[in-house]
């Protein structure tokens, strides 16, 4: 069973993501802020992390940078959800730890395909 972590401060969006990704092959964990997300990444070492860009305590970029800095978890694919264009979401600088960026609103099929690619280790086209 593969583990996915959904980190978003919006409970409705977390529910939508969980419903979209619901699959007997996945165990889904949730975090409502970046600090909790980082704790779960370190503790559970999920196969893929889906991070909202804007969250309380630590934002998605802070979590991504912390993951990249930790050799034990740096290879976990991160998918960053953002309401901004990719370049604005990261201040114009790409973050090496981020596997893919999905700009809200995104399609459920796009999310499923991106997660599948991350799990398969395929390069992202997003």
PDB file of N, CA and C in Angstrom:
ATOM      1  N   UNK A   1       0.851  -1.180   0.000  1.00  0.00           N
ATOM      2  CA  UNK A   1       0.000   0.000   0.000  1.00  0.00           C
ATOM      3  C   UNK A   1       0.896   1.242   0.000  1.00  0.00           C
ATOM      4  N   UNK A   2       0.553   2.195  -0.862  1.00  0.00           N
ATOM      5  CA  UNK A   2       1.324   3.434  -0.944  1.00  0.00           C
ATOM      6  C   UNK A   2       0.638   4.509  -0.107  1.00  0.00           C
ATOM      7  N   UNK A   3       1.457   5.357   0.490  1.00  0.00           N
ATOM      8  CA  UNK A   3       0.947   6.398   1.378  1.00  0.00           C
ATOM      9  C   UNK A   3       1.045   7.755   0.700  1.00  0.00           C
ATOM     10  N   UNK A   4      -0.074   8.482   0.734  1.00  0.00           N
ATOM     11  CA  UNK A   4      -0.139   9.846   0.214  1.00  0.00           C
ATOM     12  C   UNK A   4      -0.439  10.783   1.368  1.00  0.00           C
ATOM     13  N   UNK A   5       0.224  11.921   1.395  1.00  0.00           N
ATOM     14  CA  UNK A   5      -0.070  12.947   2.392  1.00  0.00           C
ATOM     15  C   UNK A   5      -0.661  14.148   1.680  1.00  0.00           C
ATOM     16  N   UNK A   6      -1.833  14.571   2.146  1.00  0.00           N
ATOM     17  CA  UNK A   6      -2.497  15.770   1.639  1.00  0.00           C
ATOM     18  C   UNK A   6      -2.354  16.845   2.713  1.00  0.00           C
ATOM     19  N   UNK A   7      -1.730  17.968   2.358  1.00  0.00           N
ATOM     20  CA  UNK A   7      -1.551  19.064   3.307  1.00  0.00           C
ATOM     21  C   UNK A   7      -2.186  20.322   2.736  1.00  0.00           C
ATOM     22  N   UNK A   8      -3.286  20.733   3.347  1.00  0.00           N
ATOM     23  CA  UNK A   8      -4.003  21.932   2.918  1.00  0.00           C
ATOM     24  C   UNK A   8      -4.813  22.446   4.099  1.00  0.00           C
ATOM     25  N   UNK A   9      -4.851  23.756   4.270  1.00  0.00           N
ATOM     26  CA  UNK A   9      -5.588  24.319   5.405  1.00  0.00           C
ATOM     27  C   UNK A   9      -7.084  24.411   5.145  1.00  0.00           C
ATOM     28  N   UNK A  10      -7.524  24.156   3.923  1.00  0.00           N
ATOM     29  CA  UNK A  10      -8.949  24.205   3.582  1.00  0.00           C
ATOM     30  C   UNK A  10      -9.541  22.797   3.720  1.00  0.00           C
ATOM     31  N   UNK A  11     -10.402  22.573   4.733  1.00  0.00           N
ATOM     32  CA  UNK A  11     -10.952  21.232   4.932  1.00  0.00           C
ATOM     33  C   UNK A  11     -11.777  20.735   3.742  1.00  0.00           C
ATOM     34  N   UNK A  12     -12.440  21.643   3.023  1.00  0.00           N
ATOM     35  CA  UNK A  12     -13.224  21.238   1.858  1.00  0.00           C
ATOM     36  C   UNK A  12     -12.318  20.731   0.737  1.00  0.00           C
ATOM     37  N   UNK A  13     -11.201  21.413   0.530  1.00  0.00           N
ATOM     38  CA  UNK A  13     -10.278  20.967  -0.504  1.00  0.00           C
ATOM     39  C   UNK A  13      -9.603  19.654  -0.099  1.00  0.00           C
ATOM     40  N   UNK A  14      -9.276  19.493   1.178  1.00  0.00           N
ATOM     41  CA  UNK A  14      -8.714  18.216   1.633  1.00  0.00           C
ATOM     42  C   UNK A  14      -9.694  17.077   1.369  1.00  0.00           C
ATOM     43  N   UNK A  15     -10.970  17.316   1.632  1.00  0.00           N
ATOM     44  CA  UNK A  15     -11.990  16.304   1.379  1.00  0.00           C
ATOM     45  C   UNK A  15     -12.082  15.996  -0.118  1.00  0.00           C
ATOM     46  N   UNK A  16     -12.064  17.015  -0.957  1.00  0.00           N
ATOM     47  CA  UNK A  16     -12.106  16.827  -2.398  1.00  0.00           C
ATOM     48  C   UNK A  16     -10.895  16.015  -2.865  1.00  0.00           C
ATOM     49  N   UNK A  17      -9.714  16.356  -2.367  1.00  0.00           N
ATOM     50  CA  UNK A  17      -8.508  15.629  -2.751  1.00  0.00           C
ATOM     51  C   UNK A  17      -8.580  14.180  -2.285  1.00  0.00           C
ATOM     52  N   UNK A  18      -9.019  13.988  -1.055  1.00  0.00           N
ATOM     53  CA  UNK A  18      -9.122  12.631  -0.521  1.00  0.00           C
ATOM     54  C   UNK A  18     -10.117  11.805  -1.342  1.00  0.00           C
ATOM     55  N   UNK A  19     -11.251  12.389  -1.671  1.00  0.00           N
ATOM     56  CA  UNK A  19     -12.268  11.697  -2.462  1.00  0.00           C
ATOM     57  C   UNK A  19     -11.725  11.367  -3.853  1.00  0.00           C
ATOM     58  N   UNK A  20     -11.022  12.305  -4.458  1.00  0.00           N
ATOM     59  CA  UNK A  20     -10.446  12.093  -5.786  1.00  0.00           C
ATOM     60  C   UNK A  20      -9.420  10.968  -5.778  1.00  0.00           C
ATOM     61  N   UNK A  21      -8.628  10.907  -4.721  1.00  0.00           N
ATOM     62  CA  UNK A  21      -7.532   9.939  -4.658  1.00  0.00           C
ATOM     63  C   UNK A  21      -7.904   8.626  -3.988  1.00  0.00           C
ATOM     64  N   UNK A  22      -9.146   8.538  -3.509  1.00  0.00           N
ATOM     65  CA  UNK A  22      -9.568   7.339  -2.789  1.00  0.00           C
ATOM     66  C   UNK A  22      -9.361   6.096  -3.656  1.00  0.00           C
ATOM     67  N   UNK A  23      -8.603   5.156  -3.100  1.00  0.00           N
ATOM     68  CA  UNK A  23      -8.237   3.956  -3.835  1.00  0.00           C
ATOM     69  C   UNK A  23      -7.748   2.940  -2.803  1.00  0.00           C
ATOM     70  N   UNK A  24      -8.153   1.687  -2.904  1.00  0.00           N
ATOM     71  CA  UNK A  24      -7.702   0.693  -1.921  1.00  0.00           C
ATOM     72  C   UNK A  24      -6.179   0.536  -1.867  1.00  0.00           C
ATOM     73  N   UNK A  25      -5.492   0.977  -2.924  1.00  0.00           N
ATOM     74  CA  UNK A  25      -4.031   0.862  -2.953  1.00  0.00           C
ATOM     75  C   UNK A  25      -3.341   1.998  -2.199  1.00  0.00           C
ATOM     76  N   UNK A  26      -4.099   3.007  -1.760  1.00  0.00           N
ATOM     77  CA  UNK A  26      -3.526   4.172  -1.095  1.00  0.00           C
ATOM     78  C   UNK A  26      -3.979   4.286   0.353  1.00  0.00           C
ATOM     79  N   UNK A  27      -3.047   4.659   1.200  1.00  0.00           N
ATOM     80  CA  UNK A  27      -3.370   5.102   2.553  1.00  0.00           C
ATOM     81  C   UNK A  27      -3.184   6.614   2.510  1.00  0.00           C
ATOM     82  N   UNK A  28      -4.215   7.352   2.894  1.00  0.00           N
ATOM     83  CA  UNK A  28      -4.170   8.811   2.789  1.00  0.00           C
ATOM     84  C   UNK A  28      -4.077   9.428   4.182  1.00  0.00           C
ATOM     85  N   UNK A  29      -3.052  10.269   4.348  1.00  0.00           N
ATOM     86  CA  UNK A  29      -2.856  11.040   5.574  1.00  0.00           C
ATOM     87  C   UNK A  29      -3.206  12.486   5.275  1.00  0.00           C
ATOM     88  N   UNK A  30      -3.582  13.233   6.312  1.00  0.00           N
ATOM     89  CA  UNK A  30      -3.950  14.637   6.126  1.00  0.00           C
ATOM     90  C   UNK A  30      -3.259  15.522   7.143  1.00  0.00           C
ATOM     91  N   UNK A  31      -2.950  16.744   6.711  1.00  0.00           N
ATOM     92  CA  UNK A  31      -2.410  17.775   7.595  1.00  0.00           C
ATOM     93  C   UNK A  31      -3.092  19.085   7.235  1.00  0.00           C
ATOM     94  N   UNK A  32      -3.369  19.901   8.249  1.00  0.00           N
ATOM     95  CA  UNK A  32      -4.068  21.168   8.003  1.00  0.00           C
ATOM     96  C   UNK A  32      -3.130  22.380   8.021  1.00  0.00           C
ATOM     97  N   UNK A  33      -1.840  22.150   8.238  1.00  0.00           N
ATOM     98  CA  UNK A  33      -0.867  23.236   8.183  1.00  0.00           C
ATOM     99  C   UNK A  33       0.503  22.654   7.841  1.00  0.00           C
ATOM    100  N   UNK A  34       1.419  23.533   7.492  1.00  0.00           N
ATOM    101  CA  UNK A  34       2.736  23.087   7.061  1.00  0.00           C
ATOM    102  C   UNK A  34       3.557  22.427   8.150  1.00  0.00           C
ATOM    103  N   UNK A  35       3.423  22.888   9.366  1.00  0.00           N
ATOM    104  CA  UNK A  35       4.171  22.300  10.479  1.00  0.00           C
ATOM    105  C   UNK A  35       3.753  20.839  10.691  1.00  0.00           C
ATOM    106  N   UNK A  36       2.454  20.581  10.694  1.00  0.00           N
ATOM    107  CA  UNK A  36       1.951  19.213  10.827  1.00  0.00           C
ATOM    108  C   UNK A  36       2.361  18.366   9.635  1.00  0.00           C
ATOM    109  N   UNK A  37       2.337  18.956   8.444  1.00  0.00           N
ATOM    110  CA  UNK A  37       2.729  18.236   7.240  1.00  0.00           C
ATOM    111  C   UNK A  37       4.180  17.788   7.331  1.00  0.00           C
ATOM    112  N   UNK A  38       5.059  18.692   7.734  1.00  0.00           N
ATOM    113  CA  UNK A  38       6.473  18.347   7.836  1.00  0.00           C
ATOM    114  C   UNK A  38       6.689  17.255   8.882  1.00  0.00           C
ATOM    115  N   UNK A  39       5.986  17.350   9.991  1.00  0.00           N
ATOM    116  CA  UNK A  39       6.075  16.311  11.021  1.00  0.00           C
ATOM    117  C   UNK A  39       5.671  14.949  10.447  1.00  0.00           C
ATOM    118  N   UNK A  40       4.546  14.913   9.715  1.00  0.00           N
ATOM    119  CA  UNK A  40       4.077  13.654   9.132  1.00  0.00           C
ATOM    120  C   UNK A  40       5.029  13.132   8.059  1.00  0.00           C
ATOM    121  N   UNK A  41       5.613  14.028   7.273  1.00  0.00           N
ATOM    122  CA  UNK A  41       6.575  13.587   6.255  1.00  0.00           C
ATOM    123  C   UNK A  41       7.750  12.900   6.939  1.00  0.00           C
ATOM    124  N   UNK A  42       8.256  13.506   7.990  1.00  0.00           N
ATOM    125  CA  UNK A  42       9.401  12.919   8.696  1.00  0.00           C
ATOM    126  C   UNK A  42       9.029  11.613   9.404  1.00  0.00           C
ATOM    127  N   UNK A  43       7.849  11.566   9.983  1.00  0.00           N
ATOM    128  CA  UNK A  43       7.416  10.399  10.756  1.00  0.00           C
ATOM    129  C   UNK A  43       6.984   9.240   9.855  1.00  0.00           C
ATOM    130  N   UNK A  44       6.169   9.523   8.847  1.00  0.00           N
ATOM    131  CA  UNK A  44       5.548   8.477   8.023  1.00  0.00           C
ATOM    132  C   UNK A  44       6.277   8.191   6.712  1.00  0.00           C
ATOM    133  N   UNK A  45       7.082   9.146   6.242  1.00  0.00           N
ATOM    134  CA  UNK A  45       7.776   9.044   4.966  1.00  0.00           C
ATOM    135  C   UNK A  45       6.838   8.559   3.852  1.00  0.00           C
ATOM    136  N   UNK A  46       5.812   9.367   3.547  1.00  0.00           N
ATOM    137  CA  UNK A  46       4.841   8.971   2.517  1.00  0.00           C
ATOM    138  C   UNK A  46       5.505   8.857   1.145  1.00  0.00           C
ATOM    139  N   UNK A  47       4.823   8.185   0.241  1.00  0.00           N
ATOM    140  CA  UNK A  47       5.332   7.997  -1.115  1.00  0.00           C
ATOM    141  C   UNK A  47       5.194   9.262  -1.960  1.00  0.00           C
ATOM    142  N   UNK A  48       4.179  10.074  -1.674  1.00  0.00           N
ATOM    143  CA  UNK A  48       3.948  11.347  -2.356  1.00  0.00           C
ATOM    144  C   UNK A  48       3.318  12.309  -1.361  1.00  0.00           C
ATOM    145  N   UNK A  49       3.705  13.594  -1.454  1.00  0.00           N
ATOM    146  CA  UNK A  49       3.119  14.644  -0.618  1.00  0.00           C
ATOM    147  C   UNK A  49       2.478  15.676  -1.538  1.00  0.00           C
ATOM    148  N   UNK A  50       1.222  16.005  -1.249  1.00  0.00           N
ATOM    149  CA  UNK A  50       0.490  17.041  -1.981  1.00  0.00           C
ATOM    150  C   UNK A  50       0.369  18.227  -1.038  1.00  0.00           C
ATOM    151  N   UNK A  51       1.018  19.343  -1.393  1.00  0.00           N
ATOM    152  CA  UNK A  51       1.128  20.511  -0.512  1.00  0.00           C
ATOM    153  C   UNK A  51       0.433  21.729  -1.089  1.00  0.00           C
ATOM    154  N   UNK A  52      -0.366  22.376  -0.284  1.00  0.00           N
ATOM    155  CA  UNK A  52      -0.889  23.682  -0.661  1.00  0.00           C
ATOM    156  C   UNK A  52       0.245  24.688  -0.528  1.00  0.00           C
ATOM    157  N   UNK A  53       0.305  25.654  -1.420  1.00  0.00           N
ATOM    158  CA  UNK A  53       1.354  26.684  -1.376  1.00  0.00           C
ATOM    159  C   UNK A  53       1.169  27.591  -0.157  1.00  0.00           C
ATOM    160  N   UNK A  54      -0.063  27.980   0.121  1.00  0.00           N
ATOM    161  CA  UNK A  54      -0.330  28.930   1.204  1.00  0.00           C
ATOM    162  C   UNK A  54      -1.000  28.203   2.358  1.00  0.00           C
ATOM    163  N   UNK A  55      -0.233  27.989   3.448  1.00  0.00           N
ATOM    164  CA  UNK A  55      -0.756  27.340   4.657  1.00  0.00           C
ATOM    165  C   UNK A  55      -0.212  28.076   5.874  1.00  0.00           C
ATOM    166  N   UNK A  56      -0.901  27.942   6.994  1.00  0.00           N
ATOM    167  CA  UNK A  56      -0.388  28.552   8.221  1.00  0.00           C
ATOM    168  C   UNK A  56       0.826  27.784   8.767  1.00  0.00           C
ATOM    169  N   UNK A  57       1.542  28.438   9.650  1.00  0.00           N
ATOM    170  CA  UNK A  57       2.723  27.925  10.362  1.00  0.00           C
ATOM    171  C   UNK A  57       3.918  27.784   9.434  1.00  0.00           C
ATOM    172  N   UNK A  58       3.880  26.896   8.484  1.00  0.00           N
ATOM    173  CA  UNK A  58       4.881  26.793   7.418  1.00  0.00           C
ATOM    174  C   UNK A  58       4.109  26.713   6.114  1.00  0.00           C
ATOM    175  N   UNK A  59       4.539  27.466   5.100  1.00  0.00           N
ATOM    176  CA  UNK A  59       3.839  27.331   3.828  1.00  0.00           C
ATOM    177  C   UNK A  59       4.443  26.178   3.033  1.00  0.00           C
ATOM    178  N   UNK A  60       3.849  25.881   1.888  1.00  0.00           N
ATOM    179  CA  UNK A  60       4.287  24.749   1.092  1.00  0.00           C
ATOM    180  C   UNK A  60       5.740  24.837   0.669  1.00  0.00           C
ATOM    181  N   UNK A  61       6.213  26.050   0.363  1.00  0.00           N
ATOM    182  CA  UNK A  61       7.616  26.203  -0.019  1.00  0.00           C
ATOM    183  C   UNK A  61       8.547  25.938   1.158  1.00  0.00           C
ATOM    184  N   UNK A  62       8.158  26.383   2.354  1.00  0.00           N
ATOM    185  CA  UNK A  62       8.968  26.102   3.542  1.00  0.00           C
ATOM    186  C   UNK A  62       9.081  24.595   3.763  1.00  0.00           C
ATOM    187  N   UNK A  63       7.967  23.895   3.604  1.00  0.00           N
ATOM    188  CA  UNK A  63       7.972  22.442   3.770  1.00  0.00           C
ATOM    189  C   UNK A  63       8.864  21.811   2.700  1.00  0.00           C
ATOM    190  N   UNK A  64       8.724  22.256   1.452  1.00  0.00           N
ATOM    191  CA  UNK A  64       9.532  21.711   0.359  1.00  0.00           C
ATOM    192  C   UNK A  64      11.023  21.913   0.633  1.00  0.00           C
ATOM    193  N   UNK A  65      11.395  23.092   1.096  1.00  0.00           N
ATOM    194  CA  UNK A  65      12.805  23.362   1.382  1.00  0.00           C
ATOM    195  C   UNK A  65      13.316  22.513   2.543  1.00  0.00           C
ATOM    196  N   UNK A  66      12.480  22.294   3.557  1.00  0.00           N
ATOM    197  CA  UNK A  66      12.870  21.440   4.683  1.00  0.00           C
ATOM    198  C   UNK A  66      13.035  19.990   4.237  1.00  0.00           C
ATOM    199  N   UNK A  67      12.154  19.540   3.353  1.00  0.00           N
ATOM    200  CA  UNK A  67      12.254  18.175   2.828  1.00  0.00           C
ATOM    201  C   UNK A  67      13.551  18.027   2.029  1.00  0.00           C
ATOM    202  N   UNK A  68      13.838  18.989   1.181  1.00  0.00           N
ATOM    203  CA  UNK A  68      15.047  18.946   0.360  1.00  0.00           C
ATOM    204  C   UNK A  68      16.309  18.926   1.225  1.00  0.00           C
ATOM    205  N   UNK A  69      16.271  19.611   2.359  1.00  0.00           N
ATOM    206  CA  UNK A  69      17.443  19.698   3.231  1.00  0.00           C
ATOM    207  C   UNK A  69      17.667  18.449   4.085  1.00  0.00           C
ATOM    208  N   UNK A  70      16.692  17.550   4.125  1.00  0.00           N
ATOM    209  CA  UNK A  70      16.790  16.366   4.989  1.00  0.00           C
ATOM    210  C   UNK A  70      17.078  15.124   4.137  1.00  0.00           C
ATOM    211  N   UNK A  71      18.280  14.555   4.232  1.00  0.00           N
ATOM    212  CA  UNK A  71      18.632  13.408   3.387  1.00  0.00           C
ATOM    213  C   UNK A  71      17.699  12.205   3.542  1.00  0.00           C
ATOM    214  N   UNK A  72      17.052  12.056   4.675  1.00  0.00           N
ATOM    215  CA  UNK A  72      16.175  10.908   4.910  1.00  0.00           C
ATOM    216  C   UNK A  72      14.875  10.996   4.113  1.00  0.00           C
ATOM    217  N   UNK A  73      14.477  12.208   3.709  1.00  0.00           N
ATOM    218  CA  UNK A  73      13.177  12.380   3.041  1.00  0.00           C
ATOM    219  C   UNK A  73      13.265  13.160   1.733  1.00  0.00           C
ATOM    220  N   UNK A  74      14.429  13.580   1.333  1.00  0.00           N
ATOM    221  CA  UNK A  74      14.556  14.481   0.178  1.00  0.00           C
ATOM    222  C   UNK A  74      14.090  13.892  -1.146  1.00  0.00           C
ATOM    223  N   UNK A  75      13.982  12.567  -1.235  1.00  0.00           N
ATOM    224  CA  UNK A  75      13.570  11.948  -2.489  1.00  0.00           C
ATOM    225  C   UNK A  75      12.055  11.734  -2.605  1.00  0.00           C
ATOM    226  N   UNK A  76      11.307  12.149  -1.595  1.00  0.00           N
ATOM    227  CA  UNK A  76       9.846  12.021  -1.657  1.00  0.00           C
ATOM    228  C   UNK A  76       9.302  13.055  -2.641  1.00  0.00           C
ATOM    229  N   UNK A  77       8.541  12.626  -3.648  1.00  0.00           N
ATOM    230  CA  UNK A  77       7.986  13.587  -4.604  1.00  0.00           C
ATOM    231  C   UNK A  77       6.960  14.506  -3.933  1.00  0.00           C
ATOM    232  N   UNK A  78       7.081  15.789  -4.226  1.00  0.00           N
ATOM    233  CA  UNK A  78       6.164  16.797  -3.707  1.00  0.00           C
ATOM    234  C   UNK A  78       5.386  17.399  -4.866  1.00  0.00           C
ATOM    235  N   UNK A  79       4.083  17.509  -4.678  1.00  0.00           N
ATOM    236  CA  UNK A  79       3.214  18.165  -5.655  1.00  0.00           C
ATOM    237  C   UNK A  79       2.683  19.419  -4.979  1.00  0.00           C
ATOM    238  N   UNK A  80       2.987  20.574  -5.548  1.00  0.00           N
ATOM    239  CA  UNK A  80       2.598  21.848  -4.955  1.00  0.00           C
ATOM    240  C   UNK A  80       1.326  22.359  -5.619  1.00  0.00           C
ATOM    241  N   UNK A  81       0.298  22.601  -4.801  1.00  0.00           N
ATOM    242  CA  UNK A  81      -0.961  23.178  -5.277  1.00  0.00           C
ATOM    243  C   UNK A  81      -0.910  24.677  -5.044  1.00  0.00           C
ATOM    244  N   UNK A  82      -1.270  25.448  -6.038  1.00  0.00           N
ATOM    245  CA  UNK A  82      -1.202  26.882  -5.897  1.00  0.00           C
ATOM    246  C   UNK A  82      -2.310  27.575  -6.672  1.00  0.00           C
ATOM    247  N   UNK A  83      -2.736  28.702  -6.163  1.00  0.00           N
ATOM    248  CA  UNK A  83      -3.711  29.531  -6.870  1.00  0.00           C
ATOM    249  C   UNK A  83      -2.987  30.527  -7.776  1.00  0.00           C
ATOM    250  N   UNK A  84      -1.646  30.551  -7.688  1.00  0.00           N
ATOM    251  CA  UNK A  84      -0.829  31.484  -8.471  1.00  0.00           C
ATOM    252  C   UNK A  84      -0.201  30.745  -9.644  1.00  0.00           C
ATOM    253  N   UNK A  85       0.275  31.501 -10.601  1.00  0.00           N
ATOM    254  CA  UNK A  85       1.071  30.896 -11.668  1.00  0.00           C
ATOM    255  C   UNK A  85       2.326  30.308 -11.043  1.00  0.00           C
ATOM    256  N   UNK A  86       2.902  29.289 -11.666  1.00  0.00           N
ATOM    257  CA  UNK A  86       4.059  28.596 -11.109  1.00  0.00           C
ATOM    258  C   UNK A  86       5.192  29.551 -10.758  1.00  0.00           C
ATOM    259  N   UNK A  87       5.557  30.472 -11.656  1.00  0.00           N
ATOM    260  CA  UNK A  87       6.687  31.349 -11.390  1.00  0.00           C
ATOM    261  C   UNK A  87       6.412  32.271 -10.201  1.00  0.00           C
ATOM    262  N   UNK A  88       5.167  32.752 -10.075  1.00  0.00           N
ATOM    263  CA  UNK A  88       4.821  33.597  -8.935  1.00  0.00           C
ATOM    264  C   UNK A  88       4.752  32.773  -7.654  1.00  0.00           C
ATOM    265  N   UNK A  89       4.327  31.528  -7.773  1.00  0.00           N
ATOM    266  CA  UNK A  89       4.176  30.663  -6.599  1.00  0.00           C
ATOM    267  C   UNK A  89       5.491  30.403  -5.911  1.00  0.00           C
ATOM    268  N   UNK A  90       6.578  30.407  -6.660  1.00  0.00           N
ATOM    269  CA  UNK A  90       7.886  30.107  -6.077  1.00  0.00           C
ATOM    270  C   UNK A  90       8.813  31.314  -6.128  1.00  0.00           C
ATOM    271  N   UNK A  91       8.247  32.501  -6.304  1.00  0.00           N
ATOM    272  CA  UNK A  91       9.059  33.701  -6.337  1.00  0.00           C
ATOM    273  C   UNK A  91       9.995  33.747  -7.531  1.00  0.00           C
ATOM    274  N   UNK A  92       9.611  33.084  -8.625  1.00  0.00           N
ATOM    275  CA  UNK A  92      10.429  33.085  -9.825  1.00  0.00           C
ATOM    276  C   UNK A  92      11.529  32.045  -9.827  1.00  0.00           C
ATOM    277  N   UNK A  93      11.765  31.385  -8.710  1.00  0.00           N
ATOM    278  CA  UNK A  93      12.837  30.399  -8.604  1.00  0.00           C
ATOM    279  C   UNK A  93      12.246  28.999  -8.498  1.00  0.00           C
ATOM    280  N   UNK A  94      12.671  28.055  -9.338  1.00  0.00           N
ATOM    281  CA  UNK A  94      12.190  26.689  -9.184  1.00  0.00           C
ATOM    282  C   UNK A  94      12.722  26.067  -7.897  1.00  0.00           C
ATOM    283  N   UNK A  95      11.929  25.240  -7.280  1.00  0.00           N
ATOM    284  CA  UNK A  95      12.344  24.542  -6.059  1.00  0.00           C
ATOM    285  C   UNK A  95      12.651  23.104  -6.457  1.00  0.00           C
ATOM    286  N   UNK A  96      13.903  22.660  -6.329  1.00  0.00           N
ATOM    287  CA  UNK A  96      14.274  21.335  -6.817  1.00  0.00           C
ATOM    288  C   UNK A  96      13.468  20.199  -6.199  1.00  0.00           C
ATOM    289  N   UNK A  97      12.967  20.351  -4.992  1.00  0.00           N
ATOM    290  CA  UNK A  97      12.253  19.262  -4.328  1.00  0.00           C
ATOM    291  C   UNK A  97      10.850  19.069  -4.878  1.00  0.00           C
ATOM    292  N   UNK A  98      10.351  20.018  -5.670  1.00  0.00           N
ATOM    293  CA  UNK A  98       8.968  19.940  -6.136  1.00  0.00           C
ATOM    294  C   UNK A  98       8.898  19.155  -7.445  1.00  0.00           C
ATOM    295  N   UNK A  99       8.131  18.065  -7.425  1.00  0.00           N
ATOM    296  CA  UNK A  99       7.946  17.201  -8.591  1.00  0.00           C
ATOM    297  C   UNK A  99       7.061  17.874  -9.630  1.00  0.00           C
ATOM    298  N   UNK A 100       5.967  18.501  -9.156  1.00  0.00           N
ATOM    299  CA  UNK A 100       5.011  19.114 -10.083  1.00  0.00           C
ATOM    300  C   UNK A 100       4.271  20.246  -9.392  1.00  0.00           C
ATOM    301  N   UNK A 101       3.756  21.167 -10.211  1.00  0.00           N
ATOM    302  CA  UNK A 101       2.917  22.269  -9.747  1.00  0.00           C
ATOM    303  C   UNK A 101       1.554  22.115 -10.399  1.00  0.00           C
ATOM    304  N   UNK A 102       0.505  22.184  -9.601  1.00  0.00           N
ATOM    305  CA  UNK A 102      -0.849  22.204 -10.140  1.00  0.00           C
ATOM    306  C   UNK A 102      -1.489  23.532  -9.741  1.00  0.00           C
ATOM    307  N   UNK A 103      -1.949  24.270 -10.748  1.00  0.00           N
ATOM    308  CA  UNK A 103      -2.561  25.567 -10.498  1.00  0.00           C
ATOM    309  C   UNK A 103      -4.058  25.357 -10.306  1.00  0.00           C
ATOM    310  N   UNK A 104      -4.574  25.895  -9.190  1.00  0.00           N
ATOM    311  CA  UNK A 104      -6.004  25.805  -8.891  1.00  0.00           C
ATOM    312  C   UNK A 104      -6.763  26.741  -9.819  1.00  0.00           C
ATOM    313  N   UNK A 105      -7.900  26.360 -10.321  1.00  0.00           N
ATOM    314  CA  UNK A 105      -8.523  25.046 -10.180  1.00  0.00           C
ATOM    315  C   UNK A 105      -7.868  24.064 -11.151  1.00  0.00           C
ATOM    316  N   UNK A 106      -7.645  22.856 -10.702  1.00  0.00           N
ATOM    317  CA  UNK A 106      -7.065  21.812 -11.532  1.00  0.00           C
ATOM    318  C   UNK A 106      -8.113  20.713 -11.678  1.00  0.00           C
ATOM    319  N   UNK A 107      -7.951  19.900 -12.692  1.00  0.00           N
ATOM    320  CA  UNK A 107      -8.931  18.834 -12.891  1.00  0.00           C
ATOM    321  C   UNK A 107      -8.565  17.629 -12.036  1.00  0.00           C
ATOM    322  N   UNK A 108      -9.548  16.897 -11.553  1.00  0.00           N
ATOM    323  CA  UNK A 108      -9.268  15.674 -10.811  1.00  0.00           C
ATOM    324  C   UNK A 108      -8.431  14.689 -11.621  1.00  0.00           C
ATOM    325  N   UNK A 109      -8.674  14.613 -12.933  1.00  0.00           N
ATOM    326  CA  UNK A 109      -7.879  13.717 -13.776  1.00  0.00           C
ATOM    327  C   UNK A 109      -6.419  14.145 -13.823  1.00  0.00           C
ATOM    328  N   UNK A 110      -6.191  15.457 -13.849  1.00  0.00           N
ATOM    329  CA  UNK A 110      -4.821  15.969 -13.839  1.00  0.00           C
ATOM    330  C   UNK A 110      -4.133  15.599 -12.526  1.00  0.00           C
ATOM    331  N   UNK A 111      -4.839  15.718 -11.413  1.00  0.00           N
ATOM    332  CA  UNK A 111      -4.288  15.334 -10.114  1.00  0.00           C
ATOM    333  C   UNK A 111      -3.955  13.850 -10.093  1.00  0.00           C
ATOM    334  N   UNK A 112      -4.884  13.007 -10.528  1.00  0.00           N
ATOM    335  CA  UNK A 112      -4.658  11.562 -10.535  1.00  0.00           C
ATOM    336  C   UNK A 112      -3.454  11.198 -11.399  1.00  0.00           C
ATOM    337  N   UNK A 113      -3.348  11.799 -12.561  1.00  0.00           N
ATOM    338  CA  UNK A 113      -2.226  11.501 -13.455  1.00  0.00           C
ATOM    339  C   UNK A 113      -0.899  11.970 -12.846  1.00  0.00           C
ATOM    340  N   UNK A 114      -0.903  13.127 -12.226  1.00  0.00           N
ATOM    341  CA  UNK A 114       0.318  13.650 -11.619  1.00  0.00           C
ATOM    342  C   UNK A 114       0.763  12.769 -10.459  1.00  0.00           C
ATOM    343  N   UNK A 115      -0.183  12.327  -9.636  1.00  0.00           N
ATOM    344  CA  UNK A 115       0.147  11.423  -8.529  1.00  0.00           C
ATOM    345  C   UNK A 115       0.685  10.105  -9.076  1.00  0.00           C
ATOM    346  N   UNK A 116       0.043   9.580 -10.108  1.00  0.00           N
ATOM    347  CA  UNK A 116       0.509   8.327 -10.716  1.00  0.00           C
ATOM    348  C   UNK A 116       1.939   8.463 -11.239  1.00  0.00           C
ATOM    349  N   UNK A 117       2.217   9.574 -11.915  1.00  0.00           N
ATOM    350  CA  UNK A 117       3.563   9.814 -12.429  1.00  0.00           C
ATOM    351  C   UNK A 117       4.572   9.902 -11.290  1.00  0.00           C
ATOM    352  N   UNK A 118       4.191  10.582 -10.225  1.00  0.00           N
ATOM    353  CA  UNK A 118       5.095  10.707  -9.071  1.00  0.00           C
ATOM    354  C   UNK A 118       5.376   9.348  -8.450  1.00  0.00           C
ATOM    355  N   UNK A 119       4.347   8.528  -8.328  1.00  0.00           N
ATOM    356  CA  UNK A 119       4.523   7.194  -7.754  1.00  0.00           C
ATOM    357  C   UNK A 119       5.369   6.302  -8.664  1.00  0.00           C
ATOM    358  N   UNK A 120       5.228   6.488  -9.965  1.00  0.00           N
ATOM    359  CA  UNK A 120       5.982   5.690 -10.930  1.00  0.00           C
ATOM    360  C   UNK A 120       7.398   6.216 -11.151  1.00  0.00           C
ATOM    361  N   UNK A 121       7.663   7.418 -10.634  1.00  0.00           N
ATOM    362  CA  UNK A 121       8.978   8.019 -10.841  1.00  0.00           C
ATOM    363  C   UNK A 121       9.153   8.631 -12.212  1.00  0.00           C
ATOM    364  N   UNK A 122       8.041   8.822 -12.924  1.00  0.00           N
ATOM    365  CA  UNK A 122       8.107   9.416 -14.258  1.00  0.00           C
ATOM    366  C   UNK A 122       8.301  10.922 -14.144  1.00  0.00           C
ATOM    367  N   UNK A 123       9.006  11.514 -15.092  1.00  0.00           N
ATOM    368  CA  UNK A 123       9.157  12.976 -15.064  1.00  0.00           C
ATOM    369  C   UNK A 123       7.808  13.656 -15.231  1.00  0.00           C
ATOM    370  N   UNK A 124       7.639  14.757 -14.543  1.00  0.00           N
ATOM    371  CA  UNK A 124       6.383  15.497 -14.603  1.00  0.00           C
ATOM    372  C   UNK A 124       6.358  16.384 -15.828  1.00  0.00           C
ATOM    373  N   UNK A 125       5.179  16.534 -16.402  1.00  0.00           N
ATOM    374  CA  UNK A 125       5.018  17.466 -17.530  1.00  0.00           C
ATOM    375  C   UNK A 125       4.299  18.723 -17.065  1.00  0.00           C
ATOM    376  N   UNK A 126       4.050  18.836 -15.753  1.00  0.00           N
ATOM    377  CA  UNK A 126       3.320  19.988 -15.222  1.00  0.00           C
ATOM    378  C   UNK A 126       4.258  21.013 -14.672  1.00  0.00           C
TER     379      UNK A 126
END
